[in-house]
Protein backbone atom coordinates (compact mmCIF):
# COMPACT_ATOMS: atom_id res chain seq x y z
CA MET A 1 0.00 0.00 0.00
CA ASP A 2 1.43 3.36 -1.02
CA MET A 3 0.81 6.28 1.28
CA PRO A 4 0.60 9.83 -0.03
CA ILE A 5 3.92 11.69 0.07
CA ASP A 6 4.34 14.15 2.96
CA SER A 7 1.04 13.09 4.54
CA LEU A 8 2.05 11.73 7.96
CA ASP A 9 2.71 13.77 11.08
CA GLY A 10 4.54 10.79 12.58
CA ALA A 11 4.71 7.01 12.53
CA LEU A 12 5.25 4.28 15.12
CA CYS A 13 6.08 0.62 14.59
CA THR A 14 6.38 -1.70 17.59
CA PHE A 15 7.88 -5.15 17.02
CA GLY A 16 6.64 -5.12 13.43
CA LEU A 17 9.53 -4.43 11.05
CA SER A 18 11.41 -7.56 12.07
CA VAL A 19 8.52 -9.73 10.85
CA ILE A 20 7.90 -7.94 7.54
CA LEU A 21 9.50 -9.63 4.54
CA GLY A 22 9.83 -6.32 2.68
CA TYR A 23 11.03 -4.28 5.64
CA VAL A 24 13.30 -2.04 3.53
CA ALA A 25 10.39 -1.07 1.25
CA ALA A 26 8.22 -0.49 4.32
CA ILE A 27 10.81 1.85 5.86
CA LYS A 28 11.20 3.75 2.58
CA GLY A 29 7.42 4.08 2.27
CA VAL A 30 6.99 5.46 5.77
CA ILE A 31 9.88 7.92 5.47
CA LYS A 32 8.53 9.09 2.11
CA ALA A 33 5.05 9.57 3.60
CA LEU A 34 6.32 11.61 6.56
CA LYS A 35 6.18 15.37 6.46
CA SER A 36 9.60 17.05 6.58
CA GLY A 37 11.10 17.13 10.05
CA ARG A 38 8.68 14.48 11.38
CA ARG A 39 9.67 11.21 13.05
CA PHE A 40 9.35 7.50 12.50
CA VAL A 41 9.81 5.67 15.82
CA VAL A 42 10.63 1.97 15.84
CA LEU A 43 10.72 -0.38 18.82
CA ASP A 44 11.96 -3.83 17.84
CA ALA A 45 14.25 -6.72 18.74
CA LYS A 46 17.39 -8.36 17.40
CA LEU A 47 19.84 -10.94 18.66
CA PHE A 48 21.69 -10.28 21.93
CA GLU A 49 25.07 -8.53 22.10
CA GLY A 50 28.03 -9.05 24.41
CA ARG A 51 28.06 -11.94 26.88
CA ALA A 52 24.32 -12.49 26.45
CA GLN A 53 24.86 -13.60 22.84
CA VAL A 54 25.35 -17.14 24.14
CA MET A 55 21.53 -17.20 24.20
CA ASN A 56 21.24 -16.33 20.48
CA PRO A 57 21.12 -19.91 19.12
CA LEU A 58 18.25 -20.74 21.48
CA ILE A 59 16.42 -17.47 20.82
CA GLY A 60 16.81 -17.91 17.06
CA LEU A 61 15.52 -21.49 17.23
CA ILE A 62 12.50 -20.63 19.38
CA PHE A 63 11.41 -17.62 17.36
CA ARG A 64 12.12 -19.22 13.98
CA HIS A 65 9.53 -21.89 14.76
CA THR A 66 6.96 -19.78 16.60
CA THR A 67 6.89 -16.48 14.70
CA SER A 68 7.98 -15.00 11.39
CA TRP A 69 10.72 -12.99 13.13
CA ASP A 70 13.90 -12.82 11.07
CA CYS A 71 16.76 -12.20 13.47
CA GLU A 72 19.19 -11.64 10.57
CA GLU A 73 17.49 -8.45 9.31
CA ASP A 74 19.53 -5.25 9.72
CA ILE A 75 16.68 -2.88 10.47
CA ILE A 76 18.97 -0.44 12.28
CA GLY A 77 21.28 -0.22 9.26
CA ALA A 78 18.38 0.12 6.84
CA VAL A 79 16.75 2.95 8.80
CA ARG A 80 20.13 4.69 9.16
CA GLU A 81 20.76 4.49 5.40
CA ILE A 82 17.25 5.58 4.37
CA SER A 83 16.68 8.31 6.95
CA LYS A 84 20.21 9.75 7.39
CA GLU A 85 18.99 11.33 10.68
CA MET A 86 18.56 8.70 13.36
CA GLU A 87 18.87 8.31 17.12
CA LEU A 88 19.34 4.82 18.54
CA GLU A 89 19.03 3.43 22.05
CA LYS A 90 19.69 -0.22 22.83
CA PHE A 91 18.66 -2.01 26.00
CA SER A 92 18.27 -5.59 27.33
CA ALA A 93 21.83 -6.52 26.28
CA GLY A 94 21.19 -5.04 22.84
CA HIS A 95 18.22 -7.35 22.27
CA ASN A 96 15.71 -4.51 22.17
CA TYR A 97 16.22 -1.14 20.57
CA LEU A 98 14.43 2.12 20.02
CA ILE A 99 14.99 4.17 16.87
CA ALA A 100 13.81 7.73 16.27
CA ALA A 101 14.38 8.56 12.60
CA THR A 102 13.64 12.04 11.34
CA LYS A 103 12.75 12.86 7.76
CA PRO A 104 15.16 15.57 6.62
CA SER A 105 13.69 19.04 6.05
């Protein structure tokens, strides 16, 4: 679904991008639909970082068979490349993250 260009005052996606097969196209569509200077906020999950990454094989196995979550997607990198203006906060040993991407003016 295409959204009209410069039509959104803001957008929020919670634990959704990591289960969308076409997540790059979805990010591009949302950023394109935002009005200049407005934000796209993403709360999502990825594999653990640091010492907690010993849990990644188990997490990957569980979620691969119970959801459509793709732990290999680089949503952070995709948002950074598409938006150019992005703030990132990671928590829970890097497993969860919050992105605030702003559409350039």
